Every structure is written in structure tokens, then in C-alpha cells.
PDB file of N, CA and C in Angstrom:
ATOM      1  N   MET A   1     -29.510  11.487  -0.568  1.00  0.00           N
ATOM      2  CA  MET A   1     -28.579  12.093  -1.487  1.00  0.00           C
ATOM      3  C   MET A   1     -29.306  12.817  -2.608  1.00  0.00           C
ATOM      4  N   LYS A   2     -30.560  12.491  -2.802  1.00  0.00           N
ATOM      5  CA  LYS A   2     -31.294  13.108  -3.904  1.00  0.00           C
ATOM      6  C   LYS A   2     -31.418  14.618  -3.741  1.00  0.00           C
ATOM      7  N   ASN A   3     -31.290  15.117  -2.518  1.00  0.00           N
ATOM      8  CA  ASN A   3     -31.393  16.548  -2.273  1.00  0.00           C
ATOM      9  C   ASN A   3     -30.066  17.281  -2.453  1.00  0.00           C
ATOM     10  N   LEU A   4     -28.993  16.543  -2.684  1.00  0.00           N
ATOM     11  CA  LEU A   4     -27.669  17.144  -2.840  1.00  0.00           C
ATOM     12  C   LEU A   4     -27.363  17.407  -4.307  1.00  0.00           C
ATOM     13  N   GLN A   5     -26.581  18.431  -4.555  1.00  0.00           N
ATOM     14  CA  GLN A   5     -26.083  18.734  -5.895  1.00  0.00           C
ATOM     15  C   GLN A   5     -24.838  17.890  -6.149  1.00  0.00           C
ATOM     16  N   GLY A   6     -24.462  17.757  -7.411  1.00  0.00           N
ATOM     17  CA  GLY A   6     -23.321  16.949  -7.807  1.00  0.00           C
ATOM     18  C   GLY A   6     -22.043  17.208  -7.017  1.00  0.00           C
ATOM     19  N   PRO A   7     -21.620  18.481  -6.887  1.00  0.00           N
ATOM     20  CA  PRO A   7     -20.383  18.748  -6.134  1.00  0.00           C
ATOM     21  C   PRO A   7     -20.467  18.284  -4.679  1.00  0.00           C
ATOM     22  N   ASP A   8     -21.653  18.407  -4.083  1.00  0.00           N
ATOM     23  CA  ASP A   8     -21.827  17.975  -2.693  1.00  0.00           C
ATOM     24  C   ASP A   8     -21.767  16.459  -2.575  1.00  0.00           C
ATOM     25  N   VAL A   9     -22.295  15.752  -3.561  1.00  0.00           N
ATOM     26  CA  VAL A   9     -22.226  14.287  -3.552  1.00  0.00           C
ATOM     27  C   VAL A   9     -20.775  13.851  -3.706  1.00  0.00           C
ATOM     28  N   LEU A  10     -20.016  14.546  -4.538  1.00  0.00           N
ATOM     29  CA  LEU A  10     -18.601  14.225  -4.700  1.00  0.00           C
ATOM     30  C   LEU A  10     -17.848  14.471  -3.390  1.00  0.00           C
ATOM     31  N   LYS A  11     -18.148  15.561  -2.710  1.00  0.00           N
ATOM     32  CA  LYS A  11     -17.531  15.838  -1.407  1.00  0.00           C
ATOM     33  C   LYS A  11     -17.899  14.758  -0.392  1.00  0.00           C
ATOM     34  N   LEU A  12     -19.154  14.311  -0.432  1.00  0.00           N
ATOM     35  CA  LEU A  12     -19.594  13.234   0.451  1.00  0.00           C
ATOM     36  C   LEU A  12     -18.804  11.959   0.165  1.00  0.00           C
ATOM     37  N   LEU A  13     -18.606  11.661  -1.100  1.00  0.00           N
ATOM     38  CA  LEU A  13     -17.838  10.480  -1.492  1.00  0.00           C
ATOM     39  C   LEU A  13     -16.420  10.550  -0.940  1.00  0.00           C
ATOM     40  N   ILE A  14     -15.801  11.699  -1.047  1.00  0.00           N
ATOM     41  CA  ILE A  14     -14.438  11.876  -0.540  1.00  0.00           C
ATOM     42  C   ILE A  14     -14.412  11.724   0.984  1.00  0.00           C
ATOM     43  N   ALA A  15     -15.396  12.296   1.665  1.00  0.00           N
ATOM     44  CA  ALA A  15     -15.464  12.188   3.122  1.00  0.00           C
ATOM     45  C   ALA A  15     -15.669  10.738   3.561  1.00  0.00           C
ATOM     46  N   VAL A  16     -16.529  10.020   2.860  1.00  0.00           N
ATOM     47  CA  VAL A  16     -16.780   8.613   3.181  1.00  0.00           C
ATOM     48  C   VAL A  16     -15.500   7.798   2.990  1.00  0.00           C
ATOM     49  N   ASP A  17     -14.736   8.118   1.952  1.00  0.00           N
ATOM     50  CA  ASP A  17     -13.468   7.433   1.728  1.00  0.00           C
ATOM     51  C   ASP A  17     -12.479   7.739   2.852  1.00  0.00           C
ATOM     52  N   GLU A  18     -12.404   8.996   3.258  1.00  0.00           N
ATOM     53  CA  GLU A  18     -11.493   9.378   4.337  1.00  0.00           C
ATOM     54  C   GLU A  18     -11.862   8.704   5.656  1.00  0.00           C
ATOM     55  N   LEU A  19     -13.146   8.440   5.844  1.00  0.00           N
ATOM     56  CA  LEU A  19     -13.614   7.758   7.055  1.00  0.00           C
ATOM     57  C   LEU A  19     -13.559   6.233   6.921  1.00  0.00           C
ATOM     58  N   ASN A  20     -13.091   5.765   5.768  1.00  0.00           N
ATOM     59  CA  ASN A  20     -12.961   4.328   5.485  1.00  0.00           C
ATOM     60  C   ASN A  20     -14.289   3.573   5.607  1.00  0.00           C
ATOM     61  N   ILE A  21     -15.352   4.188   5.131  1.00  0.00           N
ATOM     62  CA  ILE A  21     -16.658   3.532   5.106  1.00  0.00           C
ATOM     63  C   ILE A  21     -16.837   2.953   3.706  1.00  0.00           C
ATOM     64  N   HIS A  22     -16.114   1.874   3.454  1.00  0.00           N
ATOM     65  CA  HIS A  22     -16.040   1.303   2.117  1.00  0.00           C
ATOM     66  C   HIS A  22     -17.379   0.794   1.592  1.00  0.00           C
ATOM     67  N   SER A  23     -18.275   0.431   2.477  1.00  0.00           N
ATOM     68  CA  SER A  23     -19.570  -0.083   2.018  1.00  0.00           C
ATOM     69  C   SER A  23     -20.392   0.994   1.312  1.00  0.00           C
ATOM     70  N   LEU A  24     -20.136   2.255   1.589  1.00  0.00           N
ATOM     71  CA  LEU A  24     -20.886   3.346   0.954  1.00  0.00           C
ATOM     72  C   LEU A  24     -20.228   3.875  -0.319  1.00  0.00           C
ATOM     73  N   ILE A  25     -18.956   3.614  -0.504  1.00  0.00           N
ATOM     74  CA  ILE A  25     -18.228   4.191  -1.634  1.00  0.00           C
ATOM     75  C   ILE A  25     -18.836   3.787  -2.967  1.00  0.00           C
ATOM     76  N   SER A  26     -19.058   2.493  -3.169  1.00  0.00           N
ATOM     77  CA  SER A  26     -19.616   2.055  -4.456  1.00  0.00           C
ATOM     78  C   SER A  26     -21.044   2.558  -4.636  1.00  0.00           C
ATOM     79  N   HIS A  27     -21.801   2.618  -3.546  1.00  0.00           N
ATOM     80  CA  HIS A  27     -23.177   3.116  -3.621  1.00  0.00           C
ATOM     81  C   HIS A  27     -23.205   4.584  -4.057  1.00  0.00           C
ATOM     82  N   ILE A  28     -22.336   5.399  -3.482  1.00  0.00           N
ATOM     83  CA  ILE A  28     -22.298   6.825  -3.827  1.00  0.00           C
ATOM     84  C   ILE A  28     -21.788   7.014  -5.254  1.00  0.00           C
ATOM     85  N   GLN A  29     -20.791   6.232  -5.662  1.00  0.00           N
ATOM     86  CA  GLN A  29     -20.307   6.320  -7.045  1.00  0.00           C
ATOM     87  C   GLN A  29     -21.429   5.986  -8.024  1.00  0.00           C
ATOM     88  N   GLU A  30     -22.156   4.927  -7.756  1.00  0.00           N
ATOM     89  CA  GLU A  30     -23.277   4.542  -8.623  1.00  0.00           C
ATOM     90  C   GLU A  30     -24.320   5.652  -8.679  1.00  0.00           C
ATOM     91  N   PHE A  31     -24.608   6.259  -7.534  1.00  0.00           N
ATOM     92  CA  PHE A  31     -25.573   7.350  -7.497  1.00  0.00           C
ATOM     93  C   PHE A  31     -25.104   8.510  -8.370  1.00  0.00           C
ATOM     94  N   LEU A  32     -23.837   8.873  -8.250  1.00  0.00           N
ATOM     95  CA  LEU A  32     -23.295   9.963  -9.077  1.00  0.00           C
ATOM     96  C   LEU A  32     -23.437   9.642 -10.560  1.00  0.00           C
ATOM     97  N   ILE A  33     -23.071   8.435 -10.943  1.00  0.00           N
ATOM     98  CA  ILE A  33     -23.105   8.047 -12.349  1.00  0.00           C
ATOM     99  C   ILE A  33     -24.535   7.986 -12.877  1.00  0.00           C
ATOM    100  N   GLU A  34     -25.459   7.500 -12.073  1.00  0.00           N
ATOM    101  CA  GLU A  34     -26.837   7.329 -12.528  1.00  0.00           C
ATOM    102  C   GLU A  34     -27.687   8.586 -12.400  1.00  0.00           C
ATOM    103  N   HIS A  35     -27.421   9.420 -11.379  1.00  0.00           N
ATOM    104  CA  HIS A  35     -28.318  10.542 -11.100  1.00  0.00           C
ATOM    105  C   HIS A  35     -27.679  11.925 -11.236  1.00  0.00           C
ATOM    106  N   GLN A  36     -26.379  11.968 -11.385  1.00  0.00           N
ATOM    107  CA  GLN A  36     -25.697  13.259 -11.498  1.00  0.00           C
ATOM    108  C   GLN A  36     -24.868  13.305 -12.784  1.00  0.00           C
ATOM    109  N   THR A  37     -25.382  12.681 -13.828  1.00  0.00           N
ATOM    110  CA  THR A  37     -24.662  12.585 -15.091  1.00  0.00           C
ATOM    111  C   THR A  37     -24.339  13.954 -15.662  1.00  0.00           C
ATOM    112  N   GLU A  38     -25.265  14.880 -15.574  1.00  0.00           N
ATOM    113  CA  GLU A  38     -25.025  16.225 -16.111  1.00  0.00           C
ATOM    114  C   GLU A  38     -23.831  16.875 -15.415  1.00  0.00           C
ATOM    115  N   PHE A  39     -23.767  16.741 -14.109  1.00  0.00           N
ATOM    116  CA  PHE A  39     -22.640  17.275 -13.345  1.00  0.00           C
ATOM    117  C   PHE A  39     -21.330  16.637 -13.807  1.00  0.00           C
ATOM    118  N   LEU A  40     -21.332  15.325 -14.007  1.00  0.00           N
ATOM    119  CA  LEU A  40     -20.128  14.615 -14.434  1.00  0.00           C
ATOM    120  C   LEU A  40     -19.709  15.011 -15.845  1.00  0.00           C
ATOM    121  N   HIS A  41     -20.678  15.304 -16.707  1.00  0.00           N
ATOM    122  CA  HIS A  41     -20.363  15.705 -18.078  1.00  0.00           C
ATOM    123  C   HIS A  41     -19.830  17.132 -18.150  1.00  0.00           C
ATOM    124  N   GLN A  42     -20.158  17.961 -17.180  1.00  0.00           N
ATOM    125  CA  GLN A  42     -19.736  19.361 -17.207  1.00  0.00           C
ATOM    126  C   GLN A  42     -18.224  19.513 -17.088  1.00  0.00           C
ATOM    127  N   ASN A  43     -17.593  18.654 -16.305  1.00  0.00           N
ATOM    128  CA  ASN A  43     -16.162  18.811 -16.075  1.00  0.00           C
ATOM    129  C   ASN A  43     -15.498  17.458 -15.813  1.00  0.00           C
ATOM    130  N   PRO A  44     -15.498  16.556 -16.795  1.00  0.00           N
ATOM    131  CA  PRO A  44     -14.903  15.241 -16.545  1.00  0.00           C
ATOM    132  C   PRO A  44     -13.414  15.315 -16.215  1.00  0.00           C
ATOM    133  N   THR A  45     -12.707  16.283 -16.778  1.00  0.00           N
ATOM    134  CA  THR A  45     -11.280  16.425 -16.490  1.00  0.00           C
ATOM    135  C   THR A  45     -11.054  16.807 -15.031  1.00  0.00           C
ATOM    136  N   GLY A  46     -11.821  17.750 -14.547  1.00  0.00           N
ATOM    137  CA  GLY A  46     -11.704  18.173 -13.149  1.00  0.00           C
ATOM    138  C   GLY A  46     -12.053  17.055 -12.187  1.00  0.00           C
ATOM    139  N   ILE A  47     -13.061  16.283 -12.527  1.00  0.00           N
ATOM    140  CA  ILE A  47     -13.454  15.171 -11.671  1.00  0.00           C
ATOM    141  C   ILE A  47     -12.381  14.087 -11.711  1.00  0.00           C
ATOM    142  N   LEU A  48     -11.798  13.848 -12.885  1.00  0.00           N
ATOM    143  CA  LEU A  48     -10.687  12.895 -12.979  1.00  0.00           C
ATOM    144  C   LEU A  48      -9.536  13.321 -12.078  1.00  0.00           C
ATOM    145  N   GLU A  49      -9.228  14.601 -12.063  1.00  0.00           N
ATOM    146  CA  GLU A  49      -8.164  15.103 -11.194  1.00  0.00           C
ATOM    147  C   GLU A  49      -8.504  14.873  -9.725  1.00  0.00           C
ATOM    148  N   THR A  50      -9.773  15.029  -9.378  1.00  0.00           N
ATOM    149  CA  THR A  50     -10.204  14.844  -7.996  1.00  0.00           C
ATOM    150  C   THR A  50     -10.131  13.382  -7.573  1.00  0.00           C
ATOM    151  N   VAL A  51     -10.598  12.487  -8.424  1.00  0.00           N
ATOM    152  CA  VAL A  51     -10.680  11.075  -8.033  1.00  0.00           C
ATOM    153  C   VAL A  51      -9.394  10.303  -8.310  1.00  0.00           C
ATOM    154  N   TYR A  52      -8.444  10.912  -9.006  1.00  0.00           N
ATOM    155  CA  TYR A  52      -7.192  10.253  -9.360  1.00  0.00           C
ATOM    156  C   TYR A  52      -6.461   9.702  -8.129  1.00  0.00           C
ATOM    157  N   HIS A  53      -6.481  10.440  -7.062  1.00  0.00           N
ATOM    158  CA  HIS A  53      -5.743  10.072  -5.858  1.00  0.00           C
ATOM    159  C   HIS A  53      -6.507   9.089  -4.962  1.00  0.00           C
ATOM    160  N   GLN A  54      -7.731   8.775  -5.317  1.00  0.00           N
ATOM    161  CA  GLN A  54      -8.553   7.889  -4.504  1.00  0.00           C
ATOM    162  C   GLN A  54      -8.616   6.514  -5.163  1.00  0.00           C
ATOM    163  N   GLU A  55      -7.914   5.560  -4.645  1.00  0.00           N
ATOM    164  CA  GLU A  55      -7.838   4.230  -5.243  1.00  0.00           C
ATOM    165  C   GLU A  55      -9.186   3.523  -5.310  1.00  0.00           C
ATOM    166  N   THR A  56     -10.089   3.871  -4.426  1.00  0.00           N
ATOM    167  CA  THR A  56     -11.369   3.167  -4.347  1.00  0.00           C
ATOM    168  C   THR A  56     -12.425   3.722  -5.293  1.00  0.00           C
ATOM    169  N   PHE A  57     -12.137   4.788  -6.009  1.00  0.00           N
ATOM    170  CA  PHE A  57     -13.132   5.420  -6.878  1.00  0.00           C
ATOM    171  C   PHE A  57     -13.045   4.909  -8.311  1.00  0.00           C
ATOM    172  N   THR A  58     -12.839   3.643  -8.493  1.00  0.00           N
ATOM    173  CA  THR A  58     -12.632   3.095  -9.833  1.00  0.00           C
ATOM    174  C   THR A  58     -13.846   3.256 -10.742  1.00  0.00           C
ATOM    175  N   GLY A  59     -15.045   3.110 -10.200  1.00  0.00           N
ATOM    176  CA  GLY A  59     -16.242   3.261 -11.018  1.00  0.00           C
ATOM    177  C   GLY A  59     -16.361   4.668 -11.582  1.00  0.00           C
ATOM    178  N   LEU A  60     -16.165   5.636 -10.742  1.00  0.00           N
ATOM    179  CA  LEU A  60     -16.243   7.037 -11.157  1.00  0.00           C
ATOM    180  C   LEU A  60     -15.071   7.389 -12.078  1.00  0.00           C
ATOM    181  N   TRP A  61     -13.899   6.884 -11.779  1.00  0.00           N
ATOM    182  CA  TRP A  61     -12.717   7.095 -12.627  1.00  0.00           C
ATOM    183  C   TRP A  61     -12.977   6.584 -14.034  1.00  0.00           C
ATOM    184  N   ASN A  62     -13.457   5.346 -14.139  1.00  0.00           N
ATOM    185  CA  ASN A  62     -13.705   4.743 -15.452  1.00  0.00           C
ATOM    186  C   ASN A  62     -14.775   5.502 -16.228  1.00  0.00           C
ATOM    187  N   PHE A  63     -15.830   5.927 -15.557  1.00  0.00           N
ATOM    188  CA  PHE A  63     -16.898   6.676 -16.209  1.00  0.00           C
ATOM    189  C   PHE A  63     -16.360   7.992 -16.774  1.00  0.00           C
ATOM    190  N   CYS A  64     -15.648   8.748 -15.966  1.00  0.00           N
ATOM    191  CA  CYS A  64     -15.138  10.053 -16.404  1.00  0.00           C
ATOM    192  C   CYS A  64     -14.064   9.902 -17.468  1.00  0.00           C
ATOM    193  N   LEU A  65     -13.223   8.911 -17.332  1.00  0.00           N
ATOM    194  CA  LEU A  65     -12.178   8.686 -18.327  1.00  0.00           C
ATOM    195  C   LEU A  65     -12.794   8.353 -19.682  1.00  0.00           C
ATOM    196  N   GLU A  66     -13.840   7.544 -19.666  1.00  0.00           N
ATOM    197  CA  GLU A  66     -14.537   7.206 -20.906  1.00  0.00           C
ATOM    198  C   GLU A  66     -15.131   8.457 -21.551  1.00  0.00           C
ATOM    199  N   LYS A  67     -15.747   9.321 -20.757  1.00  0.00           N
ATOM    200  CA  LYS A  67     -16.332  10.557 -21.283  1.00  0.00           C
ATOM    201  C   LYS A  67     -15.244  11.484 -21.818  1.00  0.00           C
ATOM    202  N   PHE A  68     -14.129  11.558 -21.123  1.00  0.00           N
ATOM    203  CA  PHE A  68     -13.025  12.403 -21.547  1.00  0.00           C
ATOM    204  C   PHE A  68     -12.473  11.930 -22.894  1.00  0.00           C
ATOM    205  N   VAL A  69     -12.287  10.633 -23.038  1.00  0.00           N
ATOM    206  CA  VAL A  69     -11.767  10.070 -24.281  1.00  0.00           C
ATOM    207  C   VAL A  69     -12.756  10.297 -25.421  1.00  0.00           C
ATOM    208  N   LYS A  70     -14.044  10.113 -25.162  1.00  0.00           N
ATOM    209  CA  LYS A  70     -15.051  10.359 -26.196  1.00  0.00           C
ATOM    210  C   LYS A  70     -15.023  11.812 -26.645  1.00  0.00           C
ATOM    211  N   ASN A  71     -14.842  12.726 -25.706  1.00  0.00           N
ATOM    212  CA  ASN A  71     -14.766  14.157 -26.048  1.00  0.00           C
ATOM    213  C   ASN A  71     -13.531  14.435 -26.897  1.00  0.00           C
ATOM    214  N   LEU A  72     -12.426  13.813 -26.582  1.00  0.00           N
ATOM    215  CA  LEU A  72     -11.210  14.005 -27.390  1.00  0.00           C
ATOM    216  C   LEU A  72     -11.425  13.506 -28.808  1.00  0.00           C
ATOM    217  N   LYS A  73     -12.062  12.356 -28.960  1.00  0.00           N
ATOM    218  CA  LYS A  73     -12.329  11.811 -30.279  1.00  0.00           C
ATOM    219  C   LYS A  73     -13.251  12.735 -31.067  1.00  0.00           C
ATOM    220  N   PHE A  74     -14.252  13.286 -30.391  1.00  0.00           N
ATOM    221  CA  PHE A  74     -15.201  14.193 -31.040  1.00  0.00           C
ATOM    222  C   PHE A  74     -14.487  15.430 -31.560  1.00  0.00           C
ATOM    223  N   TYR A  75     -13.618  16.001 -30.735  1.00  0.00           N
ATOM    224  CA  TYR A  75     -12.946  17.238 -31.125  1.00  0.00           C
ATOM    225  C   TYR A  75     -11.826  17.015 -32.129  1.00  0.00           C
ATOM    226  N   SER A  76     -11.322  15.790 -32.230  1.00  0.00           N
ATOM    227  CA  SER A  76     -10.226  15.552 -33.164  1.00  0.00           C
ATOM    228  C   SER A  76     -10.698  15.214 -34.565  1.00  0.00           C
ATOM    229  N   ILE A  77     -11.995  15.069 -34.745  1.00  0.00           N
ATOM    230  CA  ILE A  77     -12.535  14.737 -36.068  1.00  0.00           C
ATOM    231  C   ILE A  77     -12.490  15.945 -36.975  1.00  0.00           C
TER     232      ILE A  77
END
């Protein structure tokens, strides 16, 4: 996965979920959070929209939601 860009890793995560390979879902989410942080920070709202419909993406959902809320707090000051 290290050779993939953030959007491709997200697509891989969605494909793994569609194939019901649950053992890889948490691993890919962790990889995104740990190694693709810049990608996740670029568009947390868009990623939230993408993962909203995927019940198994709780790790990625929580990470992006936290970043989104922090951004709202920053801009409301």
C-alpha cells in the first residue's frame, strides 16, 4: 500500500468492504490514518461523505470527524 496515493487507498478500502474482507478493513483504515494524514486533512468533509455509508469504517469516520470539528472550532474563533 505504500506505493498507493491516498485516494487509491480509500478506493481499496471501499473495494475490500464490498468484498466483505473484514480482516483487512481495520488494517487499511489504520494505514490511511498513520501514513496518509495529509490526504485526510485535505478534504475531511469529502472523506466523511464517502465513509458515511460504510458501517465498518468507524476508525476513519472518527478521525475525519475529529478533524472536521477542530477545523470548525478554528474558523469560529
